[in-house]
Amino acid sequence: LDLSFSGLTSYAPLISNFMRTEALNHRYAYGTPINPGRLVFKLSEKAQIKTHRVSKRPYGVGCLIAGVDDAGPHIYETNPDGNFYEFYAHAIGAR
């Protein structure tokens, strides 16, 4: 798995720790590596919940996540509002 961040990068450690913990929990429970699509979905769910609560502030970071599973390589982009997309090739950031 590979992660790239764009935006308020102070959220990067929080997001990477969440993804690392989810991947380790999946490996411990099932004995296999987690599917990148499932991990991106869990991250998007976590980000989307932040947009519903008045007391919570949404993450101000977009993520570009690359992973490999049995079907081949995948590239995903997540947005601060909780949406995620799969691409064949993609770039993120201002430049």
N, C-alpha and C. Protein backbone atom coordinates (compact mmCIF):
# COMPACT_ATOMS: atom_id res chain seq x y z
N LEU A 1 0.85 -1.17 0.00
CA LEU A 1 0.00 0.00 0.00
C LEU A 1 0.89 1.23 0.00
N ASP A 2 0.48 2.23 -0.74
CA ASP A 2 1.21 3.48 -0.81
C ASP A 2 0.23 4.62 -0.60
N LEU A 3 0.62 5.62 0.21
CA LEU A 3 -0.25 6.75 0.53
C LEU A 3 0.42 8.05 0.11
N SER A 4 -0.37 8.95 -0.46
CA SER A 4 0.07 10.33 -0.73
C SER A 4 -1.02 11.25 -0.22
N PHE A 5 -0.62 12.38 0.33
CA PHE A 5 -1.58 13.31 0.92
C PHE A 5 -1.46 14.68 0.26
N SER A 6 -2.59 15.37 0.18
CA SER A 6 -2.62 16.74 -0.32
C SER A 6 -3.63 17.52 0.52
N GLY A 7 -3.24 18.69 0.96
CA GLY A 7 -4.12 19.51 1.78
C GLY A 7 -3.49 19.77 3.13
N LEU A 8 -4.29 19.72 4.17
CA LEU A 8 -3.79 19.91 5.53
C LEU A 8 -3.11 18.63 5.98
N THR A 9 -1.81 18.59 5.80
CA THR A 9 -1.08 17.34 6.04
C THR A 9 -0.94 17.02 7.52
N SER A 10 -1.45 17.87 8.40
CA SER A 10 -1.42 17.53 9.82
C SER A 10 -2.35 16.35 10.11
N TYR A 11 -3.28 16.05 9.20
CA TYR A 11 -4.16 14.89 9.35
C TYR A 11 -3.50 13.60 8.85
N ALA A 12 -2.37 13.70 8.20
CA ALA A 12 -1.72 12.53 7.61
C ALA A 12 -1.38 11.46 8.65
N PRO A 13 -0.78 11.79 9.79
CA PRO A 13 -0.49 10.73 10.77
C PRO A 13 -1.74 10.05 11.30
N LEU A 14 -2.81 10.81 11.49
CA LEU A 14 -4.06 10.24 11.98
C LEU A 14 -4.62 9.23 10.97
N ILE A 15 -4.62 9.60 9.70
CA ILE A 15 -5.17 8.72 8.66
C ILE A 15 -4.27 7.51 8.45
N SER A 16 -2.97 7.71 8.42
CA SER A 16 -2.08 6.56 8.20
C SER A 16 -2.13 5.59 9.38
N ASN A 17 -2.24 6.10 10.60
CA ASN A 17 -2.36 5.21 11.76
C ASN A 17 -3.67 4.43 11.72
N PHE A 18 -4.77 5.09 11.32
CA PHE A 18 -6.06 4.40 11.19
C PHE A 18 -5.95 3.28 10.17
N MET A 19 -5.37 3.56 9.01
CA MET A 19 -5.26 2.55 7.96
C MET A 19 -4.35 1.40 8.39
N ARG A 20 -3.26 1.72 9.07
CA ARG A 20 -2.35 0.69 9.55
C ARG A 20 -3.04 -0.22 10.56
N THR A 21 -3.80 0.38 11.48
CA THR A 21 -4.52 -0.39 12.49
C THR A 21 -5.57 -1.30 11.86
N GLU A 22 -6.32 -0.77 10.90
CA GLU A 22 -7.33 -1.58 10.22
C GLU A 22 -6.69 -2.75 9.46
N ALA A 23 -5.57 -2.50 8.81
CA ALA A 23 -4.89 -3.57 8.08
C ALA A 23 -4.36 -4.64 9.04
N LEU A 24 -3.81 -4.23 10.17
CA LEU A 24 -3.31 -5.20 11.15
C LEU A 24 -4.45 -5.99 11.78
N ASN A 25 -5.57 -5.33 12.08
CA ASN A 25 -6.72 -6.03 12.65
C ASN A 25 -7.27 -7.07 11.66
N HIS A 26 -7.31 -6.72 10.39
CA HIS A 26 -7.80 -7.67 9.38
C HIS A 26 -6.86 -8.86 9.27
N ARG A 27 -5.56 -8.60 9.26
CA ARG A 27 -4.59 -9.71 9.17
C ARG A 27 -4.68 -10.61 10.39
N TYR A 28 -4.87 -10.00 11.57
CA TYR A 28 -4.98 -10.80 12.80
C TYR A 28 -6.25 -11.64 12.79
N ALA A 29 -7.37 -11.05 12.36
CA ALA A 29 -8.66 -11.76 12.39
C ALA A 29 -8.80 -12.81 11.30
N TYR A 30 -8.32 -12.52 10.09
CA TYR A 30 -8.56 -13.40 8.96
C TYR A 30 -7.31 -14.09 8.42
N GLY A 31 -6.14 -13.62 8.81
CA GLY A 31 -4.90 -14.25 8.36
C GLY A 31 -4.50 -13.91 6.93
N THR A 32 -5.18 -12.94 6.32
CA THR A 32 -4.85 -12.52 4.96
C THR A 32 -4.71 -11.00 4.92
N PRO A 33 -3.98 -10.47 3.95
CA PRO A 33 -3.89 -9.01 3.84
C PRO A 33 -5.24 -8.42 3.42
N ILE A 34 -5.49 -7.19 3.84
CA ILE A 34 -6.76 -6.54 3.54
C ILE A 34 -6.79 -6.08 2.08
N ASN A 35 -7.94 -6.16 1.48
CA ASN A 35 -8.15 -5.67 0.12
C ASN A 35 -8.05 -4.14 0.14
N PRO A 36 -7.29 -3.52 -0.77
CA PRO A 36 -7.16 -2.06 -0.76
C PRO A 36 -8.50 -1.34 -0.89
N GLY A 37 -9.43 -1.88 -1.67
CA GLY A 37 -10.74 -1.26 -1.82
C GLY A 37 -11.52 -1.23 -0.51
N ARG A 38 -11.42 -2.29 0.26
CA ARG A 38 -12.10 -2.35 1.56
C ARG A 38 -11.50 -1.33 2.53
N LEU A 39 -10.19 -1.21 2.51
CA LEU A 39 -9.51 -0.25 3.40
C LEU A 39 -9.88 1.18 3.04
N VAL A 40 -9.93 1.49 1.75
CA VAL A 40 -10.32 2.83 1.30
C VAL A 40 -11.77 3.10 1.68
N PHE A 41 -12.63 2.09 1.57
CA PHE A 41 -14.04 2.25 1.96
C PHE A 41 -14.16 2.58 3.44
N LYS A 42 -13.38 1.89 4.29
CA LYS A 42 -13.42 2.17 5.73
C LYS A 42 -12.93 3.58 6.03
N LEU A 43 -11.89 4.02 5.33
CA LEU A 43 -11.40 5.39 5.52
C LEU A 43 -12.45 6.41 5.08
N SER A 44 -13.12 6.15 3.99
CA SER A 44 -14.16 7.05 3.51
C SER A 44 -15.35 7.11 4.45
N GLU A 45 -15.71 5.97 5.04
CA GLU A 45 -16.77 5.97 6.03
C GLU A 45 -16.40 6.83 7.23
N LYS A 46 -15.17 6.71 7.68
CA LYS A 46 -14.70 7.50 8.83
C LYS A 46 -14.72 8.99 8.49
N ALA A 47 -14.30 9.36 7.29
CA ALA A 47 -14.29 10.76 6.89
C ALA A 47 -15.70 11.30 6.71
N GLN A 48 -16.60 10.47 6.20
CA GLN A 48 -17.96 10.92 5.93
C GLN A 48 -18.74 11.16 7.21
N ILE A 49 -18.48 10.38 8.25
CA ILE A 49 -19.16 10.57 9.54
C ILE A 49 -18.82 11.94 10.10
N LYS A 50 -17.60 12.41 9.86
CA LYS A 50 -17.18 13.73 10.36
C LYS A 50 -18.01 14.86 9.76
N THR A 51 -18.59 14.65 8.58
CA THR A 51 -19.39 15.70 7.96
C THR A 51 -20.80 15.78 8.53
N HIS A 52 -21.23 14.76 9.29
CA HIS A 52 -22.59 14.73 9.84
C HIS A 52 -22.68 15.30 11.25
N ARG A 53 -21.59 15.32 11.95
CA ARG A 53 -21.60 15.75 13.34
C ARG A 53 -21.26 17.23 13.43
N VAL A 54 -22.01 17.95 14.23
CA VAL A 54 -21.78 19.38 14.39
C VAL A 54 -20.48 19.64 15.14
N SER A 55 -20.17 18.78 16.10
CA SER A 55 -18.99 18.99 16.93
C SER A 55 -17.69 18.53 16.27
N LYS A 56 -17.76 17.90 15.12
CA LYS A 56 -16.57 17.37 14.45
C LYS A 56 -16.25 18.18 13.21
N ARG A 57 -14.96 18.31 12.93
CA ARG A 57 -14.53 19.01 11.72
C ARG A 57 -14.06 17.97 10.70
N PRO A 58 -14.48 18.09 9.44
CA PRO A 58 -14.05 17.12 8.43
C PRO A 58 -12.53 17.18 8.22
N TYR A 59 -11.98 16.07 7.79
CA TYR A 59 -10.57 16.04 7.45
C TYR A 59 -10.33 16.96 6.27
N GLY A 60 -9.29 17.74 6.33
CA GLY A 60 -8.97 18.66 5.25
C GLY A 60 -7.87 18.12 4.35
N VAL A 61 -7.90 16.85 4.10
CA VAL A 61 -6.83 16.23 3.31
C VAL A 61 -7.43 15.27 2.29
N GLY A 62 -6.86 15.29 1.11
CA GLY A 62 -7.20 14.31 0.09
C GLY A 62 -6.10 13.27 0.04
N CYS A 63 -6.46 12.03 -0.17
CA CYS A 63 -5.48 10.94 -0.18
C CYS A 63 -5.47 10.26 -1.54
N LEU A 64 -4.30 9.90 -1.95
CA LEU A 64 -4.12 9.06 -3.13
C LEU A 64 -3.52 7.76 -2.63
N ILE A 65 -4.25 6.67 -2.82
CA ILE A 65 -3.88 5.38 -2.24
C ILE A 65 -3.70 4.38 -3.37
N ALA A 66 -2.56 3.73 -3.40
CA ALA A 66 -2.27 2.70 -4.40
C ALA A 66 -2.07 1.37 -3.68
N GLY A 67 -2.67 0.33 -4.22
CA GLY A 67 -2.54 -0.99 -3.61
C GLY A 67 -2.66 -2.07 -4.66
N VAL A 68 -2.27 -3.28 -4.28
CA VAL A 68 -2.31 -4.43 -5.18
C VAL A 68 -3.05 -5.56 -4.47
N ASP A 69 -3.94 -6.22 -5.22
CA ASP A 69 -4.60 -7.42 -4.72
C ASP A 69 -4.58 -8.48 -5.82
N ASP A 70 -5.40 -9.51 -5.69
CA ASP A 70 -5.41 -10.60 -6.67
C ASP A 70 -5.84 -10.14 -8.06
N ALA A 71 -6.65 -9.08 -8.12
CA ALA A 71 -7.12 -8.58 -9.42
C ALA A 71 -6.11 -7.66 -10.10
N GLY A 72 -5.06 -7.26 -9.40
CA GLY A 72 -4.05 -6.38 -9.97
C GLY A 72 -3.92 -5.08 -9.21
N PRO A 73 -3.24 -4.10 -9.80
CA PRO A 73 -3.03 -2.83 -9.11
C PRO A 73 -4.28 -1.94 -9.15
N HIS A 74 -4.45 -1.13 -8.11
CA HIS A 74 -5.58 -0.21 -8.00
C HIS A 74 -5.08 1.13 -7.47
N ILE A 75 -5.67 2.21 -7.96
CA ILE A 75 -5.38 3.55 -7.46
C ILE A 75 -6.70 4.19 -7.04
N TYR A 76 -6.76 4.69 -5.82
CA TYR A 76 -7.95 5.32 -5.28
C TYR A 76 -7.64 6.74 -4.84
N GLU A 77 -8.63 7.60 -4.96
CA GLU A 77 -8.54 8.95 -4.41
C GLU A 77 -9.68 9.12 -3.42
N THR A 78 -9.37 9.64 -2.23
CA THR A 78 -10.41 9.97 -1.26
C THR A 78 -10.45 11.48 -1.10
N ASN A 79 -11.64 11.99 -0.85
CA ASN A 79 -11.85 13.42 -0.64
C ASN A 79 -12.21 13.68 0.82
N PRO A 80 -12.07 14.93 1.27
CA PRO A 80 -12.42 15.23 2.66
C PRO A 80 -13.90 15.00 2.98
N ASP A 81 -14.76 15.00 1.97
CA ASP A 81 -16.19 14.80 2.24
C ASP A 81 -16.58 13.34 2.32
N GLY A 82 -15.66 12.42 2.12
CA GLY A 82 -15.94 11.01 2.28
C GLY A 82 -16.13 10.26 0.97
N ASN A 83 -16.08 10.93 -0.16
CA ASN A 83 -16.18 10.24 -1.45
C ASN A 83 -14.85 9.61 -1.81
N PHE A 84 -14.91 8.48 -2.51
CA PHE A 84 -13.68 7.88 -3.03
C PHE A 84 -13.93 7.39 -4.44
N TYR A 85 -12.88 7.41 -5.24
CA TYR A 85 -12.95 7.03 -6.65
C TYR A 85 -11.78 6.13 -6.99
N GLU A 86 -11.99 5.22 -7.94
CA GLU A 86 -10.90 4.38 -8.43
C GLU A 86 -10.49 4.87 -9.81
N PHE A 87 -9.19 4.93 -10.05
CA PHE A 87 -8.66 5.42 -11.31
C PHE A 87 -7.64 4.44 -11.89
N TYR A 88 -7.35 4.61 -13.17
CA TYR A 88 -6.25 3.90 -13.81
C TYR A 88 -4.94 4.63 -13.59
N ALA A 89 -5.00 5.97 -13.63
CA ALA A 89 -3.85 6.83 -13.36
C ALA A 89 -4.40 8.14 -12.83
N HIS A 90 -3.70 8.75 -11.89
CA HIS A 90 -4.22 9.97 -11.30
C HIS A 90 -3.10 10.71 -10.59
N ALA A 91 -3.25 12.03 -10.49
CA ALA A 91 -2.33 12.88 -9.73
C ALA A 91 -3.18 13.71 -8.76
N ILE A 92 -2.56 14.11 -7.67
CA ILE A 92 -3.28 14.87 -6.65
C ILE A 92 -2.40 16.03 -6.22
N GLY A 93 -3.01 17.15 -5.87
CA GLY A 93 -2.26 18.29 -5.38
C GLY A 93 -2.42 19.50 -6.30
N ALA A 94 -1.72 20.57 -5.94
CA ALA A 94 -1.85 21.83 -6.66
C ALA A 94 -1.08 21.83 -7.97
N ARG A 95 0.01 21.11 -8.04
CA ARG A 95 0.83 21.17 -9.25
C ARG A 95 0.87 19.86 -9.96
